[in-house]
């Protein structure tokens, strides 16, 4: 399967919503503690030119003075992407332009690390950022300043996720042990979910059920919720040995989700099944912190971690198997 070796630790990986084989990868030097960052744009090659030849080509690379913690593609322009940087800034990149012309925009409002970004998949004209300054911000490309700041969390906001069905609704996950639901038309959050007893590192919406949200925590658990009756989770998914760093619902199958953890593994789950754990992949040799599933190719998975590697594979195959 295709593997890419980055110079820095991987933090986030995202498949393009426009191009089948294109990926965006956020990386940070020295495990993101101190040093530079780099955003990679990668293309999967149809077939290697020769045995052992690379199966991934680097299309572009953009350098930053600080580590890059997250990234996402624009939902409206196939060449645009945004990243969250350790200095609190958000960088807008245009893959169609040379590195010297990038970033095409830099947004600076967060006072601490910008830890997560997510582009609105419904309206396609805006994106959100989440920061260690305890806030979230809403942005559009036609304005230099944020449209709104959301301040209710009492500790670092680690994740943000737009609803795939409602263009005004999103969820956030925080170190204050709550997930919150927001509607940009409302003055305050619409639901506070005390989802875990430890810091919540990730959240994601089910792509087929507008009321289904998953959360992941330092407590090693993934929980799936019906936001209409949030007193108890629909499912508790236990199987990781350390904190669960990121989760993603499948864009193709309603009950399937993917997770990665500081236990260095990537897991696939069917939260409706009694034996929920479908697969465990142990190809990373350091913390596994970035995962995604392709919306264009069913079953295609990508992961990245602090071992500086990006893996792309089809579910059911060995990520380490050579093409």
Protein backbone atom coordinates (compact mmCIF):
# COMPACT_ATOMS: atom_id res chain seq x y z
CA UNK A 1 0.00 0.00 0.00
CA UNK A 2 1.21 3.57 -0.61
CA UNK A 3 3.39 5.07 2.14
CA UNK A 4 4.84 8.59 2.31
CA UNK A 5 7.73 9.57 4.58
CA UNK A 6 7.46 13.15 5.83
CA UNK A 7 10.35 15.08 7.44
CA UNK A 8 8.21 15.95 10.48
CA UNK A 9 5.64 14.24 12.70
CA UNK A 10 2.23 13.77 11.10
CA UNK A 11 -0.74 15.46 12.78
CA UNK A 12 -3.65 15.37 10.35
CA UNK A 13 -4.57 13.87 6.98
CA UNK A 14 -7.57 14.64 4.76
CA UNK A 15 -8.76 13.25 1.45
CA UNK A 16 -9.77 15.77 -1.21
CA UNK A 17 -13.54 15.98 -1.81
CA UNK A 18 -12.79 16.69 -5.50
CA UNK A 19 -9.89 14.43 -6.54
CA UNK A 20 -9.91 10.69 -5.82
CA UNK A 21 -6.23 10.27 -5.10
CA UNK A 22 -5.32 13.60 -3.50
CA UNK A 23 -4.48 14.08 0.17
CA UNK A 24 -3.60 16.95 2.47
CA UNK A 25 -1.23 16.30 5.38
CA UNK A 26 -0.35 18.56 8.32
CA UNK A 27 3.02 17.96 10.03
CA UNK A 28 5.05 19.44 12.87
CA UNK A 29 8.74 19.32 13.76
CA UNK A 30 9.81 17.84 17.12
CA UNK A 31 6.41 16.25 17.74
CA UNK A 32 4.75 19.66 17.55
CA UNK A 33 6.39 20.90 20.74
CA UNK A 34 8.78 23.38 19.13
CA UNK A 35 9.89 24.08 15.58
CA UNK A 36 8.59 24.42 12.06
CA UNK A 37 5.65 22.88 10.25
CA UNK A 38 4.87 21.73 6.74
CA UNK A 39 1.68 21.06 4.79
CA UNK A 40 2.02 18.37 2.13
CA UNK A 41 -0.24 17.82 -0.88
CA UNK A 42 0.06 14.23 -2.10
CA UNK A 43 -1.29 12.34 -5.10
CA UNK A 44 -1.72 8.57 -5.25
CA UNK A 45 -0.16 7.22 -8.42
CA UNK A 46 -2.33 4.83 -10.52
CA UNK A 47 0.37 2.18 -10.55
CA UNK A 48 4.08 2.26 -9.71
CA UNK A 49 6.38 2.71 -12.71
CA UNK A 50 8.52 -0.18 -11.48
CA UNK A 51 8.59 -2.61 -8.56
CA UNK A 52 9.44 -0.70 -5.40
CA UNK A 53 8.81 2.68 -7.04
CA UNK A 54 6.91 5.27 -4.96
CA UNK A 55 3.12 4.98 -5.07
CA UNK A 56 2.64 8.52 -3.73
CA UNK A 57 3.88 11.73 -5.37
CA UNK A 58 4.28 15.02 -3.53
CA UNK A 59 2.49 17.69 -5.56
CA UNK A 60 3.26 20.61 -3.26
CA UNK A 61 4.71 21.44 0.14
CA UNK A 62 4.14 24.62 2.13
CA UNK A 63 6.35 25.57 5.07
CA UNK A 64 5.34 27.38 8.26
CA UNK A 65 7.43 28.85 11.07
CA UNK A 66 5.44 26.85 13.63
CA UNK A 67 3.97 23.37 13.76
CA UNK A 68 0.76 22.59 11.86
CA UNK A 69 -1.86 20.78 13.95
CA UNK A 70 -4.76 20.35 11.55
CA UNK A 71 -5.85 20.90 7.96
CA UNK A 72 -8.90 20.62 5.73
CA UNK A 73 -9.83 21.11 2.10
CA UNK A 74 -12.16 23.79 0.85
CA UNK A 75 -15.56 22.40 -0.11
CA UNK A 76 -15.97 24.99 -2.89
CA UNK A 77 -12.54 25.27 -4.59
CA UNK A 78 -10.56 22.15 -5.39
CA UNK A 79 -7.19 23.88 -5.00
CA UNK A 80 -7.81 25.64 -1.66
CA UNK A 81 -7.06 24.32 1.82
CA UNK A 82 -6.75 25.78 5.31
CA UNK A 83 -4.51 24.76 8.21
CA UNK A 84 -4.36 25.49 11.94
CA UNK A 85 -0.91 26.51 13.18
CA UNK A 86 0.75 26.43 16.61
CA UNK A 87 1.17 30.24 16.63
CA UNK A 88 -2.63 30.58 16.60
CA UNK A 89 -2.84 31.56 12.94
CA UNK A 90 -4.88 29.97 10.17
CA UNK A 91 -3.18 29.69 6.79
CA UNK A 92 -5.05 29.50 3.48
CA UNK A 93 -3.15 27.63 0.75
CA UNK A 94 -3.73 27.46 -3.00
CA UNK A 95 -2.26 24.31 -4.52
CA UNK A 96 -2.51 25.81 -8.03
CA UNK A 97 0.04 28.50 -7.09
CA UNK A 98 3.78 28.04 -6.42
CA UNK A 99 5.06 27.80 -2.85
CA UNK A 100 6.44 31.34 -3.14
CA UNK A 101 2.88 32.66 -3.59
CA UNK A 102 1.60 30.84 -0.50
CA UNK A 103 -0.02 31.22 1.89
CA UNK A 104 -2.55 33.32 0.02
CA UNK A 105 -4.09 34.43 3.32
CA UNK A 106 -3.22 34.34 7.00
CA UNK A 107 -5.89 34.87 9.66
CA UNK A 108 -4.59 35.94 13.07
CA UNK A 109 -7.03 36.21 15.96
CA UNK A 110 -6.49 33.21 18.23
CA UNK A 111 -4.17 33.95 21.15
CA UNK A 112 -3.01 30.33 21.48
CA UNK A 113 -2.53 27.27 19.26
CA UNK A 114 -5.09 26.73 16.49
CA UNK A 115 -5.74 23.04 17.03
CA UNK A 116 -8.58 22.17 14.62
CA UNK A 117 -10.25 23.42 11.44
CA UNK A 118 -13.32 22.24 9.54
CA UNK A 119 -14.91 23.51 6.31
CA UNK A 120 -18.69 23.79 6.04
CA UNK A 121 -19.81 20.94 3.73
CA UNK A 122 -23.35 22.30 3.30
CA UNK A 123 -22.91 26.04 2.69
CA UNK A 124 -19.32 25.52 1.44
CA UNK A 125 -18.54 29.21 2.00
CA UNK A 126 -17.14 29.17 5.55
CA UNK A 127 -14.92 27.29 7.97
CA UNK A 128 -14.45 26.98 11.71
CA UNK A 129 -11.34 27.00 13.87
CA UNK A 130 -10.86 25.67 17.41
CA UNK A 131 -8.08 26.83 19.70
CA UNK A 132 -6.29 26.29 22.97
CA UNK A 133 -7.48 29.81 23.86
CA UNK A 134 -10.82 28.08 24.73
CA UNK A 135 -12.64 29.62 21.76
CA UNK A 136 -13.99 28.76 18.32
CA UNK A 137 -14.18 31.17 15.39
CA UNK A 138 -16.25 31.30 12.21
CA UNK A 139 -14.56 32.55 9.03
CA UNK A 140 -15.34 33.29 5.38
CA UNK A 141 -12.82 33.97 2.63
CA UNK A 142 -14.31 37.33 1.69
CA UNK A 143 -13.63 38.90 5.10
CA UNK A 144 -10.27 39.43 6.81
CA UNK A 145 -11.78 39.14 10.29
CA UNK A 146 -13.81 36.34 11.82
CA UNK A 147 -17.60 36.58 11.60
CA UNK A 148 -18.08 35.38 15.16
CA UNK A 149 -16.26 34.01 18.19
CA UNK A 150 -17.85 31.28 20.34
CA UNK A 151 -16.72 31.42 23.97
CA UNK A 152 -18.28 28.96 26.41
CA UNK A 153 -15.69 26.25 26.87
CA UNK A 154 -13.55 26.67 29.99
CA UNK A 155 -10.47 24.90 28.63
CA UNK A 156 -8.74 24.12 25.31
CA UNK A 157 -11.03 23.32 22.38
CA UNK A 158 -9.49 20.34 20.61
CA UNK A 159 -11.98 19.58 17.86
CA UNK A 160 -14.78 21.06 15.78
CA UNK A 161 -17.12 19.38 13.32
CA UNK A 162 -19.81 20.83 11.06
CA UNK A 163 -23.07 18.95 10.73
CA UNK A 164 -23.17 17.22 7.31
CA UNK A 165 -26.89 18.03 7.05
CA UNK A 166 -27.38 21.51 8.54
CA UNK A 167 -25.30 24.44 7.32
CA UNK A 168 -25.67 26.36 10.61
CA UNK A 169 -25.00 23.57 13.11
CA UNK A 170 -21.69 22.30 14.47
CA UNK A 171 -20.20 20.47 17.45
CA UNK A 172 -17.08 21.11 19.49
CA UNK A 173 -15.01 19.00 21.90
CA UNK A 174 -12.96 20.38 24.76
CA UNK A 175 -10.58 19.63 27.56
CA UNK A 176 -13.31 20.86 29.91
CA UNK A 177 -14.86 17.36 29.44
CA UNK A 178 -17.84 18.62 27.48
CA UNK A 179 -18.95 18.51 23.89
CA UNK A 180 -21.18 21.40 22.83
CA UNK A 181 -23.66 21.82 20.02
CA UNK A 182 -23.97 25.21 18.37
CA UNK A 183 -26.22 26.92 15.86
CA UNK A 184 -24.64 30.03 14.37
CA UNK A 185 -28.09 31.67 14.41
CA UNK A 186 -28.31 31.29 18.20
CA UNK A 187 -26.52 33.46 20.79
CA UNK A 188 -25.34 30.52 22.93
CA UNK A 189 -24.71 26.81 22.56
CA UNK A 190 -27.84 24.69 22.12
CA UNK A 191 -26.62 21.64 24.06
CA UNK A 192 -23.90 20.99 26.62
CA UNK A 193 -22.99 17.31 26.68
CA UNK A 194 -20.86 16.15 29.67
CA UNK A 195 -19.77 13.27 27.49
CA UNK A 196 -16.71 11.95 29.36
CA UNK A 197 -14.98 12.18 32.73
CA UNK A 198 -11.71 13.22 31.10
CA UNK A 199 -10.64 15.59 28.33
CA UNK A 200 -12.49 15.13 25.03
CA UNK A 201 -10.11 15.18 22.08
CA UNK A 202 -12.39 14.59 19.09
CA UNK A 203 -15.97 14.59 17.83
CA UNK A 204 -17.66 13.78 14.54
CA UNK A 205 -21.17 13.62 13.11
CA UNK A 206 -22.75 10.57 11.57
CA UNK A 207 -23.08 11.26 7.84
CA UNK A 208 -26.50 9.54 7.60
CA UNK A 209 -28.16 10.43 10.92
CA UNK A 210 -28.35 14.14 11.70
CA UNK A 211 -28.93 13.43 15.41
CA UNK A 212 -25.98 11.06 15.90
CA UNK A 213 -22.67 12.41 17.25
CA UNK A 214 -19.56 10.54 18.42
CA UNK A 215 -17.00 11.74 20.97
CA UNK A 216 -13.55 10.41 21.91
CA UNK A 217 -11.56 11.02 25.05
CA UNK A 218 -8.43 10.66 27.11
CA UNK A 219 -10.44 8.01 29.02
CA UNK A 220 -9.75 5.61 26.07
CA UNK A 221 -13.44 5.50 25.17
CA UNK A 222 -15.48 6.43 22.12
CA UNK A 223 -19.11 7.24 22.83
CA UNK A 224 -21.93 7.55 20.31
CA UNK A 225 -24.85 9.84 21.21
CA UNK A 226 -28.37 10.63 20.09
CA UNK A 227 -28.46 14.36 20.74
CA UNK A 228 -32.24 14.23 21.19
CA UNK A 229 -31.80 12.07 24.32
CA UNK A 230 -28.29 12.77 25.57
CA UNK A 231 -28.61 11.35 29.10
CA UNK A 232 -26.85 8.14 28.11
CA UNK A 233 -24.80 7.15 25.06
CA UNK A 234 -26.11 4.84 22.37
CA UNK A 235 -22.80 2.99 22.49
CA UNK A 236 -19.56 2.82 24.48
CA UNK A 237 -16.66 1.63 22.33
CA UNK A 238 -13.77 0.34 24.43
CA UNK A 239 -10.65 -1.21 22.97
CA UNK A 240 -7.94 1.43 22.76
CA UNK A 241 -5.16 1.26 25.35
CA UNK A 242 -4.55 5.00 25.59
CA UNK A 243 -6.28 8.26 24.74
CA UNK A 244 -8.34 8.28 21.53
CA UNK A 245 -6.97 11.15 19.46
CA UNK A 246 -9.34 11.34 16.49
CA UNK A 247 -12.54 9.76 15.16
CA UNK A 248 -14.25 9.81 11.78
CA UNK A 249 -17.60 8.42 10.72
CA UNK A 250 -17.69 6.57 7.42
CA UNK A 251 -19.03 8.59 4.47
CA UNK A 252 -20.45 5.36 3.01
CA UNK A 253 -21.81 3.18 5.84
CA UNK A 254 -24.06 4.60 8.54
CA UNK A 255 -22.82 2.64 11.57
CA UNK A 256 -19.08 2.50 10.79
CA UNK A 257 -16.47 4.79 12.33
CA UNK A 258 -12.69 4.96 12.43
CA UNK A 259 -10.46 5.94 15.33
CA UNK A 260 -6.77 6.45 16.08
CA UNK A 261 -5.01 6.56 19.41
CA UNK A 262 -1.88 7.21 21.41
CA UNK A 263 -1.71 3.40 21.64
CA UNK A 264 -0.38 3.66 18.05
CA UNK A 265 -3.32 1.80 16.49
CA UNK A 266 -6.12 2.65 14.06
CA UNK A 267 -9.43 0.89 14.74
CA UNK A 268 -12.63 0.44 12.76
CA UNK A 269 -15.92 -0.02 14.60
CA UNK A 270 -19.54 -0.86 13.91
CA UNK A 271 -21.23 0.86 16.82
CA UNK A 272 -24.52 -1.02 16.25
CA UNK A 273 -22.86 -4.42 16.54
CA UNK A 274 -22.42 -6.35 19.77
CA UNK A 275 -18.83 -7.08 18.74
CA UNK A 276 -18.20 -3.50 17.70
CA UNK A 277 -14.47 -3.72 16.90
CA UNK A 278 -14.18 -4.76 13.23
CA UNK A 279 -10.47 -4.23 12.62
CA UNK A 280 -7.33 -3.05 14.38
CA UNK A 281 -4.36 -1.80 12.37
CA UNK A 282 -1.01 -1.53 14.18
CA UNK A 283 1.19 -0.20 11.37
CA UNK A 284 2.32 2.98 13.18
CA UNK A 285 5.31 2.91 15.54
CA UNK A 286 4.49 6.18 17.32
CA UNK A 287 1.27 7.93 18.34
CA UNK A 288 -1.38 7.63 15.59
CA UNK A 289 -3.05 11.05 15.49
CA UNK A 290 -4.54 11.60 12.02
CA UNK A 291 -7.11 9.54 10.09
CA UNK A 292 -9.58 10.00 7.27
CA UNK A 293 -11.83 7.99 4.97
CA UNK A 294 -12.27 8.91 1.32
CA UNK A 295 -15.69 10.15 0.30
CA UNK A 296 -14.92 9.30 -3.34
CA UNK A 297 -13.50 5.77 -2.96
CA UNK A 298 -15.36 3.51 -0.56
CA UNK A 299 -13.12 1.75 1.95
CA UNK A 300 -10.03 3.86 1.25
CA UNK A 301 -8.35 4.92 4.51
CA UNK A 302 -5.44 7.24 5.34
CA UNK A 303 -3.56 7.65 8.59
CA UNK A 304 -0.57 9.57 9.89
CA UNK A 305 1.37 9.72 13.13
CA UNK A 306 4.41 10.86 15.03
CA UNK A 307 6.50 8.25 13.17
CA UNK A 308 6.48 10.75 10.24
CA UNK A 309 4.62 8.30 7.99
CA UNK A 310 1.42 8.64 5.96
CA UNK A 311 -0.28 5.36 5.04
CA UNK A 312 -3.08 4.90 2.49
CA UNK A 313 -4.82 1.55 2.19
CA UNK A 314 -8.04 -0.25 1.40
CA UNK A 315 -9.94 -1.56 4.43
CA UNK A 316 -9.21 -5.26 4.89
CA UNK A 317 -5.68 -5.07 3.49
CA UNK A 318 -2.37 -4.60 5.30
CA UNK A 319 -1.29 -0.92 5.31
CA UNK A 320 2.36 -2.07 5.28
CA UNK A 321 2.01 -4.35 2.23
CA UNK A 322 4.01 -3.03 -0.70
CA UNK A 323 2.03 -2.28 -3.90
